Protein backbone atom coordinates (compact mmCIF):
# COMPACT_ATOMS: atom_id res chain seq x y z
CA GLU A 1 75.12 -30.11 72.92
CA ARG A 2 77.30 -26.96 72.91
CA ILE A 3 74.36 -25.02 74.26
CA GLN A 4 73.76 -27.42 77.15
CA GLU A 5 77.41 -26.97 78.19
CA LEU A 6 76.59 -23.31 78.98
CA PHE A 7 74.31 -24.33 81.87
CA SER A 8 74.82 -25.90 85.29
CA PRO A 9 73.45 -29.44 85.56
CA TRP A 10 72.55 -28.74 89.22
CA ASP A 11 70.33 -25.66 89.02
CA GLY A 12 70.14 -24.76 85.32
CA SER A 13 71.93 -21.43 85.76
CA ALA A 14 74.50 -20.13 83.29
CA PRO A 15 77.73 -19.78 85.32
CA VAL A 16 79.14 -17.05 83.07
CA LEU A 17 75.97 -14.98 83.61
CA VAL A 18 76.01 -15.66 87.36
CA ARG A 19 79.61 -14.38 87.60
CA ALA A 20 78.80 -11.23 85.61
CA THR A 21 75.71 -10.61 87.76
CA LYS A 22 77.53 -11.06 91.06
CA ALA A 23 80.22 -8.62 89.89
CA GLU A 24 77.52 -5.93 89.56
CA MET A 25 75.68 -6.66 92.82
CA HIS A 26 75.90 -4.60 96.01
CA ASP A 27 76.07 -7.80 98.09
CA PRO A 28 77.21 -10.72 95.88
CA LYS A 29 77.04 -13.16 98.81
CA SER A 30 73.25 -12.63 98.92
CA PHE A 31 72.82 -13.95 95.34
CA GLU A 32 70.12 -16.61 95.01
CA HIS A 33 69.33 -18.14 91.61
CA VAL A 34 65.59 -18.45 90.94
CA SER A 35 65.23 -19.48 87.28
CA THR A 36 66.96 -19.38 83.91
CA THR A 37 65.53 -19.56 80.40
CA TYR A 38 67.21 -19.17 77.03
CA THR A 39 66.58 -18.76 73.32
CA VAL A 40 68.96 -19.26 70.41
CA GLN A 41 69.21 -16.07 68.35
CA ASN A 42 69.48 -15.83 64.57
CA ASP A 43 73.19 -14.98 64.88
CA GLY A 44 73.82 -18.23 66.80
CA ASN A 45 74.33 -16.56 70.17
CA VAL A 46 72.26 -17.73 73.13
CA ARG A 47 70.12 -15.11 74.89
CA VAL A 48 69.85 -16.07 78.57
CA VAL A 49 67.32 -14.55 80.98
CA MET A 50 67.95 -15.24 84.66
CA ARG A 51 65.74 -14.29 87.60
CA PHE A 52 67.56 -13.93 90.90
CA ARG A 53 67.23 -12.52 94.41
CA GLY A 54 69.77 -10.40 96.20
CA LYS A 55 70.11 -7.61 98.74
CA ASN A 56 70.02 -4.04 97.52
CA VAL A 57 71.89 -1.08 99.01
CA LEU A 58 69.22 -0.74 101.73
CA GLY A 59 69.60 -4.39 102.78
CA ALA A 60 66.23 -5.46 101.39
CA THR A 61 66.06 -8.65 99.36
CA VAL A 62 64.75 -7.88 95.87
CA MET A 63 63.98 -9.93 92.76
CA GLN A 64 65.81 -8.85 89.61
CA THR A 65 66.44 -10.07 86.07
CA ALA A 66 69.80 -10.41 84.36
CA VAL A 67 69.96 -10.78 80.59
CA GLY A 68 73.04 -11.85 78.69
CA ASN A 69 74.04 -13.03 75.27
CA ILE A 70 76.56 -15.87 75.23
CA ASN A 71 78.57 -17.12 72.27
CA PRO A 72 78.21 -20.93 72.47
CA ASN A 73 81.55 -21.49 70.71
CA THR A 74 83.69 -19.36 73.02
CA LYS A 75 81.34 -19.58 76.05
CA LYS A 76 81.90 -15.85 76.62
CA MET A 77 79.42 -13.04 77.20
CA VAL A 78 78.86 -10.76 74.22
CA GLY A 79 76.26 -8.59 75.98
CA PHE A 80 74.96 -8.20 79.52
CA GLY A 81 72.55 -6.15 81.60
CA VAL A 82 70.58 -6.27 84.86
CA GLN A 83 66.99 -5.00 84.90
């Protein structure tokens, strides 16, 4: 149940990962969630992989992947990166 609280009931995204991703984007207003999957790690943290679209510095819309580890107890990111 704690894990399900990490995800939006509307689109399945992880709001904490969406916020971290938008903060790193060139054009955060162009963010479009595509899909989110997750796995529970041995340490109890939840590894979330999110595919999204957004505009790059040249104005082209590109597909990217954001990966984050979320502590389900605190609901905070403990690791993050965009690929």
